[in-house]
Amino acid sequence: MAMSRASSSFHFAQRANARGPDQEPHWVPNTDAYATDDGLVITVELAGMRREDLELTVEGNSLRIAGQRPDVGRPPGCRFLVMEINYGPFESVIELPAGFDLSRAKAAYQNGFLRVDAPVLARAVTGSIPLEISES
């Protein structure tokens, strides 16, 4: 099965596999981001997590998604034949292109998927607009 990554103008500033003296490794969840006529949709695959273990933060045009997937408690001394599921803390920072309003974004978590919908930013008015002057 071939895997593909769509190229886009979205910038993912993801911190993956960072290790410090007191840090566990970080991982990056699978993420889709696409634009529609109504706005931007970001979907993040987070199976095995609870909604209350997720943290979403908006700063300017950046969306930070962080959390920690608990280890399922495998027996000590087990030997993996395949290990593809990541556990522990993760963090993704997604910088959105201009034109979307993160301050009005809505987030929902269902069946292991986090979905964030950011509407299109209200269009800036171009050209000249008459300004009424009131009497004081």
N, C-alpha and C. Protein backbone atom coordinates (compact mmCIF):
# COMPACT_ATOMS: atom_id res chain seq x y z
N MET A 1 0.85 -1.17 0.00
CA MET A 1 0.00 0.00 0.00
C MET A 1 0.89 1.23 0.00
N ALA A 2 0.66 2.11 -0.92
CA ALA A 2 1.45 3.33 -1.02
C ALA A 2 0.86 4.40 -0.12
N MET A 3 1.74 5.17 0.48
CA MET A 3 1.30 6.26 1.33
C MET A 3 1.65 7.56 0.63
N SER A 4 0.78 8.53 0.70
CA SER A 4 1.08 9.79 0.03
C SER A 4 0.89 10.95 0.98
N ARG A 5 1.64 11.98 0.74
CA ARG A 5 1.51 13.23 1.49
C ARG A 5 1.20 14.31 0.48
N ALA A 6 0.13 15.01 0.70
CA ALA A 6 -0.23 16.10 -0.19
C ALA A 6 0.62 17.31 0.15
N SER A 7 1.10 17.97 -0.85
CA SER A 7 1.85 19.20 -0.57
C SER A 7 0.84 20.31 -0.32
N SER A 8 1.22 21.26 0.50
CA SER A 8 0.30 22.33 0.85
C SER A 8 1.05 23.55 1.30
N SER A 9 0.30 24.61 1.54
CA SER A 9 0.91 25.83 2.06
C SER A 9 0.85 25.87 3.59
N PHE A 10 0.34 24.81 4.21
CA PHE A 10 0.29 24.75 5.66
C PHE A 10 1.68 24.45 6.20
N HIS A 11 1.99 25.05 7.32
CA HIS A 11 3.30 24.82 7.92
C HIS A 11 3.10 24.09 9.24
N PHE A 12 3.67 22.91 9.34
CA PHE A 12 3.59 22.14 10.56
C PHE A 12 4.92 22.27 11.27
N ALA A 13 4.94 23.00 12.38
CA ALA A 13 6.15 23.14 13.18
C ALA A 13 6.04 22.12 14.30
N GLN A 14 6.27 20.87 13.96
CA GLN A 14 6.05 19.80 14.91
C GLN A 14 7.34 19.42 15.59
N ARG A 15 7.25 19.21 16.87
CA ARG A 15 8.41 18.81 17.65
C ARG A 15 8.34 17.30 17.85
N ALA A 16 9.15 16.58 17.11
CA ALA A 16 9.10 15.12 17.17
C ALA A 16 10.42 14.56 17.67
N ASN A 17 10.33 13.51 18.46
CA ASN A 17 11.50 12.79 18.95
C ASN A 17 12.49 13.67 19.70
N ALA A 18 12.00 14.72 20.35
CA ALA A 18 12.87 15.57 21.16
C ALA A 18 13.15 14.85 22.47
N ARG A 19 14.39 14.81 22.85
CA ARG A 19 14.74 14.16 24.11
C ARG A 19 15.59 15.11 24.94
N GLY A 20 15.27 15.18 26.18
CA GLY A 20 16.05 15.96 27.12
C GLY A 20 16.35 15.07 28.31
N PRO A 21 17.08 15.55 29.27
CA PRO A 21 17.44 14.70 30.41
C PRO A 21 16.22 14.18 31.16
N ASP A 22 15.17 14.98 31.28
CA ASP A 22 13.98 14.57 32.02
C ASP A 22 12.76 14.45 31.12
N GLN A 23 12.97 14.34 29.81
CA GLN A 23 11.85 14.31 28.89
C GLN A 23 11.69 12.93 28.27
N GLU A 24 10.43 12.58 28.06
CA GLU A 24 10.14 11.38 27.28
C GLU A 24 10.18 11.79 25.81
N PRO A 25 10.32 10.83 24.92
CA PRO A 25 10.30 11.19 23.51
C PRO A 25 8.94 11.76 23.11
N HIS A 26 8.94 12.68 22.19
CA HIS A 26 7.71 13.23 21.66
C HIS A 26 7.38 12.52 20.36
N TRP A 27 6.13 12.49 20.03
CA TRP A 27 5.69 11.93 18.76
C TRP A 27 4.73 12.90 18.12
N VAL A 28 4.45 12.71 16.85
CA VAL A 28 3.58 13.60 16.10
C VAL A 28 2.42 12.79 15.54
N PRO A 29 1.18 13.12 15.91
CA PRO A 29 0.04 12.36 15.40
C PRO A 29 -0.20 12.65 13.92
N ASN A 30 -0.81 11.69 13.24
CA ASN A 30 -1.19 11.89 11.84
C ASN A 30 -2.22 13.01 11.77
N THR A 31 -2.02 13.93 10.83
CA THR A 31 -2.86 15.12 10.73
C THR A 31 -3.23 15.38 9.27
N ASP A 32 -4.49 15.69 9.03
CA ASP A 32 -4.97 16.16 7.73
C ASP A 32 -5.44 17.59 7.90
N ALA A 33 -5.17 18.43 6.91
CA ALA A 33 -5.68 19.80 6.91
C ALA A 33 -6.11 20.13 5.49
N TYR A 34 -7.35 20.64 5.37
CA TYR A 34 -7.84 20.98 4.04
C TYR A 34 -8.77 22.19 4.13
N ALA A 35 -8.82 22.93 3.03
CA ALA A 35 -9.68 24.12 2.95
C ALA A 35 -10.95 23.78 2.20
N THR A 36 -12.05 24.38 2.64
CA THR A 36 -13.33 24.28 1.95
C THR A 36 -13.80 25.70 1.67
N ASP A 37 -14.96 25.84 1.04
CA ASP A 37 -15.50 27.17 0.80
C ASP A 37 -15.84 27.88 2.11
N ASP A 38 -16.13 27.12 3.17
CA ASP A 38 -16.54 27.69 4.45
C ASP A 38 -15.38 27.94 5.41
N GLY A 39 -14.25 27.30 5.18
CA GLY A 39 -13.14 27.48 6.11
C GLY A 39 -12.10 26.39 5.98
N LEU A 40 -11.40 26.17 7.08
CA LEU A 40 -10.32 25.20 7.15
C LEU A 40 -10.71 24.09 8.12
N VAL A 41 -10.40 22.85 7.76
CA VAL A 41 -10.67 21.70 8.62
C VAL A 41 -9.34 21.02 8.91
N ILE A 42 -9.09 20.79 10.19
CA ILE A 42 -7.90 20.05 10.63
C ILE A 42 -8.40 18.83 11.38
N THR A 43 -7.94 17.65 10.96
CA THR A 43 -8.33 16.40 11.61
C THR A 43 -7.06 15.72 12.10
N VAL A 44 -7.06 15.32 13.38
CA VAL A 44 -5.89 14.71 14.00
C VAL A 44 -6.29 13.34 14.55
N GLU A 45 -5.51 12.32 14.21
CA GLU A 45 -5.78 10.95 14.65
C GLU A 45 -5.17 10.73 16.03
N LEU A 46 -6.03 10.51 17.04
CA LEU A 46 -5.56 10.39 18.43
C LEU A 46 -6.24 9.23 19.14
N ALA A 47 -6.22 8.07 18.54
CA ALA A 47 -6.87 6.89 19.13
C ALA A 47 -6.28 6.60 20.51
N GLY A 48 -7.15 6.16 21.41
CA GLY A 48 -6.72 5.77 22.74
C GLY A 48 -6.58 6.93 23.72
N MET A 49 -6.98 8.12 23.31
CA MET A 49 -6.87 9.28 24.20
C MET A 49 -8.26 9.73 24.63
N ARG A 50 -8.28 10.42 25.75
CA ARG A 50 -9.52 11.02 26.23
C ARG A 50 -9.49 12.51 25.90
N ARG A 51 -10.67 13.06 25.70
CA ARG A 51 -10.79 14.48 25.36
C ARG A 51 -10.11 15.36 26.41
N GLU A 52 -10.24 15.00 27.67
CA GLU A 52 -9.67 15.84 28.74
C GLU A 52 -8.14 15.78 28.79
N ASP A 53 -7.53 14.87 28.03
CA ASP A 53 -6.07 14.78 27.98
C ASP A 53 -5.48 15.61 26.84
N LEU A 54 -6.33 16.34 26.13
CA LEU A 54 -5.88 17.15 25.01
C LEU A 54 -5.88 18.62 25.39
N GLU A 55 -4.95 19.37 24.84
CA GLU A 55 -4.86 20.81 25.09
C GLU A 55 -4.70 21.53 23.75
N LEU A 56 -5.62 22.45 23.47
CA LEU A 56 -5.56 23.25 22.25
C LEU A 56 -5.34 24.70 22.64
N THR A 57 -4.39 25.34 21.98
CA THR A 57 -4.08 26.74 22.26
C THR A 57 -3.96 27.48 20.94
N VAL A 58 -4.55 28.66 20.88
CA VAL A 58 -4.47 29.51 19.69
C VAL A 58 -3.64 30.73 20.03
N GLU A 59 -2.67 31.03 19.17
CA GLU A 59 -1.88 32.24 19.31
C GLU A 59 -1.65 32.80 17.91
N GLY A 60 -2.31 33.92 17.62
CA GLY A 60 -2.21 34.49 16.27
C GLY A 60 -2.79 33.52 15.26
N ASN A 61 -1.99 33.15 14.25
CA ASN A 61 -2.46 32.21 13.24
C ASN A 61 -1.92 30.80 13.47
N SER A 62 -1.49 30.52 14.72
CA SER A 62 -0.95 29.20 15.06
C SER A 62 -1.90 28.45 15.99
N LEU A 63 -2.07 27.17 15.70
CA LEU A 63 -2.86 26.28 16.54
C LEU A 63 -1.91 25.25 17.13
N ARG A 64 -1.86 25.19 18.45
CA ARG A 64 -1.01 24.22 19.15
C ARG A 64 -1.91 23.12 19.70
N ILE A 65 -1.59 21.88 19.34
CA ILE A 65 -2.32 20.72 19.82
C ILE A 65 -1.32 19.87 20.61
N ALA A 66 -1.62 19.63 21.88
CA ALA A 66 -0.70 18.87 22.73
C ALA A 66 -1.50 17.90 23.60
N GLY A 67 -0.80 16.90 24.11
CA GLY A 67 -1.43 15.94 24.99
C GLY A 67 -0.48 14.81 25.30
N GLN A 68 -1.03 13.77 25.88
CA GLN A 68 -0.22 12.61 26.22
C GLN A 68 -1.08 11.36 26.08
N ARG A 69 -0.62 10.42 25.25
CA ARG A 69 -1.33 9.15 25.11
C ARG A 69 -0.74 8.19 26.14
N PRO A 70 -1.59 7.65 27.02
CA PRO A 70 -1.08 6.74 28.05
C PRO A 70 -0.62 5.42 27.45
N ASP A 71 0.41 4.86 28.05
CA ASP A 71 0.90 3.54 27.66
C ASP A 71 -0.14 2.51 28.08
N VAL A 72 -0.35 1.52 27.29
CA VAL A 72 -1.39 0.52 27.57
C VAL A 72 -0.98 -0.49 28.62
N GLY A 73 0.20 -0.36 29.19
CA GLY A 73 0.61 -1.25 30.27
C GLY A 73 1.06 -2.61 29.79
N ARG A 74 1.97 -2.64 28.85
CA ARG A 74 2.50 -3.94 28.39
C ARG A 74 3.33 -4.58 29.49
N PRO A 75 3.44 -5.89 29.47
CA PRO A 75 4.19 -6.58 30.54
C PRO A 75 5.68 -6.28 30.47
N PRO A 76 6.34 -6.22 31.63
CA PRO A 76 7.78 -5.96 31.63
C PRO A 76 8.52 -7.09 30.93
N GLY A 77 9.57 -6.73 30.21
CA GLY A 77 10.39 -7.72 29.54
C GLY A 77 9.82 -8.24 28.23
N CYS A 78 8.71 -7.65 27.77
CA CYS A 78 8.16 -8.13 26.50
C CYS A 78 9.10 -7.74 25.35
N ARG A 79 9.07 -8.51 24.29
CA ARG A 79 9.89 -8.24 23.11
C ARG A 79 8.96 -7.95 21.94
N PHE A 80 9.08 -6.76 21.40
CA PHE A 80 8.21 -6.38 20.29
C PHE A 80 8.65 -7.03 18.99
N LEU A 81 7.68 -7.48 18.22
CA LEU A 81 7.92 -7.91 16.85
C LEU A 81 7.67 -6.74 15.91
N VAL A 82 6.67 -5.94 16.26
CA VAL A 82 6.35 -4.71 15.53
C VAL A 82 5.91 -3.69 16.57
N MET A 83 6.40 -2.45 16.45
CA MET A 83 5.95 -1.39 17.35
C MET A 83 5.74 -0.13 16.53
N GLU A 84 4.48 0.19 16.25
CA GLU A 84 4.15 1.36 15.44
C GLU A 84 3.26 2.36 16.17
N ILE A 85 2.78 2.01 17.35
CA ILE A 85 1.91 2.91 18.10
C ILE A 85 2.77 3.72 19.06
N ASN A 86 2.62 5.03 19.01
CA ASN A 86 3.39 5.92 19.87
C ASN A 86 2.62 6.23 21.14
N TYR A 87 3.35 6.32 22.24
CA TYR A 87 2.78 6.66 23.53
C TYR A 87 3.57 7.81 24.13
N GLY A 88 3.00 8.44 25.12
CA GLY A 88 3.68 9.53 25.79
C GLY A 88 3.23 10.88 25.26
N PRO A 89 3.99 11.93 25.59
CA PRO A 89 3.58 13.29 25.22
C PRO A 89 3.78 13.57 23.73
N PHE A 90 2.95 14.46 23.21
CA PHE A 90 3.11 14.92 21.83
C PHE A 90 2.76 16.40 21.77
N GLU A 91 3.21 17.03 20.72
CA GLU A 91 2.88 18.43 20.47
C GLU A 91 3.01 18.71 18.99
N SER A 92 2.01 19.38 18.42
CA SER A 92 2.04 19.84 17.04
C SER A 92 1.62 21.30 17.03
N VAL A 93 2.35 22.11 16.29
CA VAL A 93 1.98 23.51 16.10
C VAL A 93 1.74 23.69 14.61
N ILE A 94 0.53 24.11 14.27
CA ILE A 94 0.15 24.27 12.87
C ILE A 94 -0.05 25.75 12.62
N GLU A 95 0.73 26.30 11.71
CA GLU A 95 0.59 27.71 11.33
C GLU A 95 -0.31 27.77 10.11
N LEU A 96 -1.44 28.44 10.26
CA LEU A 96 -2.42 28.53 9.19
C LEU A 96 -2.07 29.67 8.23
N PRO A 97 -2.40 29.49 6.97
CA PRO A 97 -2.22 30.59 6.04
C PRO A 97 -3.23 31.69 6.34
N ALA A 98 -3.00 32.85 5.81
CA ALA A 98 -3.93 33.98 6.01
C ALA A 98 -5.30 33.62 5.44
N GLY A 99 -6.33 34.20 6.05
CA GLY A 99 -7.67 34.03 5.53
C GLY A 99 -8.59 33.17 6.39
N PHE A 100 -8.08 32.65 7.52
CA PHE A 100 -8.90 31.82 8.40
C PHE A 100 -8.90 32.41 9.80
N ASP A 101 -10.03 32.29 10.49
CA ASP A 101 -10.22 32.93 11.80
C ASP A 101 -10.16 31.89 12.92
N LEU A 102 -8.97 31.69 13.48
CA LEU A 102 -8.82 30.73 14.58
C LEU A 102 -9.55 31.16 15.84
N SER A 103 -9.80 32.46 16.00
CA SER A 103 -10.49 32.92 17.21
C SER A 103 -11.94 32.43 17.24
N ARG A 104 -12.49 32.03 16.11
CA ARG A 104 -13.86 31.50 16.05
C ARG A 104 -13.88 30.01 15.73
N ALA A 105 -12.74 29.34 15.90
CA ALA A 105 -12.65 27.91 15.59
C ALA A 105 -13.46 27.09 16.58
N LYS A 106 -13.95 25.96 16.12
CA LYS A 106 -14.69 25.00 16.94
C LYS A 106 -13.94 23.67 16.90
N ALA A 107 -13.85 22.99 18.04
CA ALA A 107 -13.16 21.71 18.11
C ALA A 107 -14.09 20.64 18.66
N ALA A 108 -13.98 19.42 18.13
CA ALA A 108 -14.77 18.29 18.60
C ALA A 108 -13.89 17.05 18.57
N TYR A 109 -14.08 16.17 19.56
CA TYR A 109 -13.31 14.93 19.63
C TYR A 109 -14.29 13.77 19.67
N GLN A 110 -14.16 12.87 18.68
CA GLN A 110 -15.08 11.74 18.61
C GLN A 110 -14.37 10.55 17.96
N ASN A 111 -14.56 9.39 18.55
CA ASN A 111 -14.03 8.13 18.00
C ASN A 111 -12.54 8.20 17.68
N GLY A 112 -11.77 8.87 18.53
CA GLY A 112 -10.32 8.91 18.34
C GLY A 112 -9.82 9.96 17.37
N PHE A 113 -10.71 10.83 16.90
CA PHE A 113 -10.31 11.89 15.98
C PHE A 113 -10.68 13.25 16.54
N LEU A 114 -9.71 14.15 16.53
CA LEU A 114 -9.95 15.55 16.89
C LEU A 114 -10.19 16.30 15.59
N ARG A 115 -11.27 17.08 15.54
CA ARG A 115 -11.58 17.89 14.36
C ARG A 115 -11.68 19.34 14.79
N VAL A 116 -10.93 20.20 14.11
CA VAL A 116 -10.96 21.63 14.36
C VAL A 116 -11.42 22.30 13.08
N ASP A 117 -12.49 23.11 13.20
CA ASP A 117 -13.01 23.86 12.05
C ASP A 117 -12.77 25.34 12.30
N ALA A 118 -12.03 25.98 11.40
CA ALA A 118 -11.77 27.42 11.49
C ALA A 118 -12.46 28.08 10.31
N PRO A 119 -13.40 28.99 10.57
CA PRO A 119 -14.12 29.62 9.46
C PRO A 119 -13.24 30.59 8.68
N VAL A 120 -13.71 30.90 7.49
CA VAL A 120 -13.03 31.89 6.66
C VAL A 120 -13.11 33.23 7.38
N LEU A 121 -12.02 33.96 7.37
CA LEU A 121 -11.97 35.29 7.97
C LEU A 121 -12.90 36.20 7.20
N ALA A 122 -13.63 37.06 7.90
CA ALA A 122 -14.52 38.01 7.23
C ALA A 122 -13.70 38.80 6.24
N ARG A 123 -14.22 38.93 5.07
CA ARG A 123 -13.50 39.61 3.99
C ARG A 123 -13.27 41.07 4.33
N ALA A 124 -12.05 41.51 4.08
CA ALA A 124 -11.74 42.93 4.26
C ALA A 124 -12.42 43.72 3.16
N VAL A 125 -12.96 44.84 3.51
CA VAL A 125 -13.63 45.69 2.53
C VAL A 125 -12.58 46.46 1.75
N THR A 126 -12.72 46.42 0.45
CA THR A 126 -11.78 47.15 -0.39
C THR A 126 -12.47 48.35 -1.02
N GLY A 127 -11.70 49.31 -1.41
CA GLY A 127 -12.27 50.51 -2.00
C GLY A 127 -12.62 51.52 -0.92
N SER A 128 -13.27 52.59 -1.32
CA SER A 128 -13.61 53.63 -0.36
C SER A 128 -15.03 53.44 0.15
N ILE A 129 -15.20 53.73 1.42
CA ILE A 129 -16.50 53.62 2.08
C ILE A 129 -16.78 54.97 2.72
N PRO A 130 -17.98 55.54 2.47
CA PRO A 130 -18.29 56.82 3.11
C PRO A 130 -18.41 56.65 4.63
N LEU A 131 -17.87 57.57 5.38
CA LEU A 131 -17.92 57.55 6.83
C LEU A 131 -18.81 58.67 7.28
N GLU A 132 -19.86 58.34 8.03
CA GLU A 132 -20.76 59.38 8.52
C GLU A 132 -20.10 60.16 9.65
N ILE A 133 -20.33 61.44 9.65
CA ILE A 133 -19.81 62.31 10.70
C ILE A 133 -20.99 62.80 11.52
N SER A 134 -20.99 62.50 12.80
CA SER A 134 -22.09 62.93 13.65
C SER A 134 -21.79 64.32 14.21
N GLU A 135 -22.86 65.05 14.59
CA GLU A 135 -22.70 66.39 15.21
C GLU A 135 -22.45 66.18 16.69
N SER A 136 -21.55 67.01 17.26
CA SER A 136 -21.30 66.90 18.67
C SER A 136 -21.98 67.98 19.44
